Amino acid sequence: MTIQSEKEFDVLGYRLRYRPDIDSSNEATNNSSATINAEEVVEYFNQRANGLRSRYPHLDPGQVATLLALDITKEKLVLEREFKTSLHNLEERTRQALEKIEKADPVGQ
């Protein structure tokens, strides 16, 4: 686990100090290739926020941030649902394959 120092960024016109929290209970975050640094997070957020601002120039920064938070939350929930469905499908196919193997070559007979 890499401890990252807090850095200051400009986000929607606000100067914010930010350091992504690292959840050591999540195995993916312990993998160095899965580590996300603060610059990546802020760059991604700013790109998405600028896209919303160009489509809806009348929104204030708080409204942009709220809409973006809702969009990102929806995307996260969709990904979680797709992951669970894929995992369930994999488990089902594995179970079916195991049944076919056991029928073809029963253990202990």
Protein backbone atom coordinates (compact mmCIF):
# COMPACT_ATOMS: atom_id res chain seq x y z
CA MET A 1 0.00 0.00 0.00
CA THR A 2 1.40 3.34 -1.05
CA ILE A 3 0.69 6.33 1.16
CA GLN A 4 0.17 9.38 -0.98
CA SER A 5 0.55 12.90 0.37
CA GLU A 6 -2.26 15.38 0.14
CA LYS A 7 -2.05 17.76 -2.84
CA GLU A 8 -3.94 20.90 -3.75
CA PHE A 9 -6.04 21.00 -6.93
CA ASP A 10 -8.38 23.37 -8.76
CA VAL A 11 -11.78 21.68 -9.08
CA LEU A 12 -14.72 23.69 -10.45
CA GLY A 13 -13.00 26.90 -9.40
CA TYR A 14 -12.34 25.72 -5.85
CA ARG A 15 -8.86 25.09 -4.45
CA LEU A 16 -9.12 21.72 -2.73
CA ARG A 17 -6.66 19.48 -0.95
CA TYR A 18 -7.19 15.90 -2.03
CA ARG A 19 -5.68 12.48 -1.49
CA PRO A 20 -7.58 9.40 -2.61
CA ASP A 21 -8.35 7.12 0.32
CA ILE A 22 -6.80 3.69 0.04
CA ASP A 23 -8.96 0.83 1.29
CA SER A 24 -6.56 -1.91 2.35
CA SER A 25 -9.44 -4.40 2.61
CA ASN A 26 -9.91 -4.21 -1.17
CA GLU A 27 -7.42 -6.53 -2.87
CA ALA A 28 -7.53 -4.55 -6.11
CA THR A 29 -6.11 -1.48 -4.39
CA ASN A 30 -3.19 -3.54 -3.09
CA ASN A 31 -2.18 -4.31 -6.67
CA SER A 32 0.23 -1.62 -7.89
CA SER A 33 -1.36 -1.64 -11.36
CA ALA A 34 -4.73 -0.77 -9.77
CA THR A 35 -3.40 2.20 -7.79
CA ILE A 36 -5.11 5.44 -8.77
CA ASN A 37 -3.33 8.66 -7.93
CA ALA A 38 -4.91 11.99 -7.04
CA GLU A 39 -3.93 13.60 -10.37
CA GLU A 40 -5.82 10.92 -12.32
CA VAL A 41 -8.92 11.33 -10.19
CA VAL A 42 -8.95 15.12 -10.47
CA GLU A 43 -8.20 15.05 -14.21
CA TYR A 44 -11.06 12.59 -14.83
CA PHE A 45 -13.45 14.65 -12.71
CA ASN A 46 -12.47 17.91 -14.41
CA GLN A 47 -12.87 16.40 -17.89
CA ARG A 48 -16.34 15.15 -17.03
CA ALA A 49 -17.26 18.44 -15.31
CA ASN A 50 -16.08 20.48 -18.29
CA GLY A 51 -18.22 18.31 -20.56
CA LEU A 52 -21.28 19.02 -18.41
CA ARG A 53 -20.46 22.74 -18.26
CA SER A 54 -20.18 22.95 -22.05
CA ARG A 55 -23.58 21.26 -22.44
CA TYR A 56 -25.23 23.22 -19.63
CA PRO A 57 -23.40 26.56 -19.29
CA HIS A 58 -26.14 28.01 -17.06
CA LEU A 59 -25.37 25.60 -14.19
CA ASP A 60 -23.36 26.81 -11.22
CA PRO A 61 -20.41 24.73 -9.98
CA GLY A 62 -22.47 23.09 -7.22
CA GLN A 63 -25.08 21.91 -9.71
CA VAL A 64 -22.37 20.60 -12.06
CA ALA A 65 -20.75 18.71 -9.17
CA THR A 66 -24.09 17.24 -8.08
CA LEU A 67 -25.03 16.11 -11.60
CA LEU A 68 -21.59 14.64 -12.10
CA ALA A 69 -21.78 12.79 -8.78
CA LEU A 70 -25.13 11.32 -9.84
CA ASP A 71 -23.77 10.29 -13.26
CA ILE A 72 -20.70 8.64 -11.76
CA THR A 73 -22.84 6.89 -9.13
CA LYS A 74 -25.13 5.52 -11.84
CA GLU A 75 -22.12 4.25 -13.81
CA LYS A 76 -20.71 2.58 -10.69
CA LEU A 77 -24.01 0.86 -9.94
CA VAL A 78 -24.31 -0.37 -13.55
CA LEU A 79 -20.76 -1.76 -13.42
CA GLU A 80 -21.45 -3.49 -10.10
CA ARG A 81 -24.64 -5.04 -11.47
CA GLU A 82 -22.85 -6.19 -14.65
CA PHE A 83 -20.03 -7.66 -12.57
CA LYS A 84 -22.45 -9.58 -10.34
CA THR A 85 -24.33 -10.87 -13.39
CA SER A 86 -21.09 -11.95 -15.08
CA LEU A 87 -19.92 -13.66 -11.90
CA HIS A 88 -23.24 -15.48 -11.55
CA ASN A 89 -23.08 -16.58 -15.20
CA LEU A 90 -19.52 -17.83 -14.74
CA GLU A 91 -20.50 -19.78 -11.64
CA GLU A 92 -23.44 -21.34 -13.46
CA ARG A 93 -21.31 -22.34 -16.49
CA THR A 94 -18.66 -23.77 -14.16
CA ARG A 95 -21.29 -25.80 -12.32
CA GLN A 96 -22.68 -27.12 -15.63
CA ALA A 97 -19.20 -28.02 -16.87
CA LEU A 98 -18.43 -29.84 -13.63
CA GLU A 99 -21.69 -31.81 -13.94
CA LYS A 100 -20.74 -32.87 -17.48
CA ILE A 101 -17.28 -33.93 -16.35
CA GLU A 102 -18.72 -35.94 -13.46
CA LYS A 103 -21.18 -37.68 -15.80
CA ALA A 104 -18.42 -38.56 -18.25
CA ASP A 105 -15.97 -39.78 -15.60
CA PRO A 106 -17.64 -40.32 -12.22
CA VAL A 107 -15.16 -40.20 -9.34
CA GLY A 108 -14.80 -43.45 -7.40
CA GLN A 109 -16.61 -45.73 -9.85
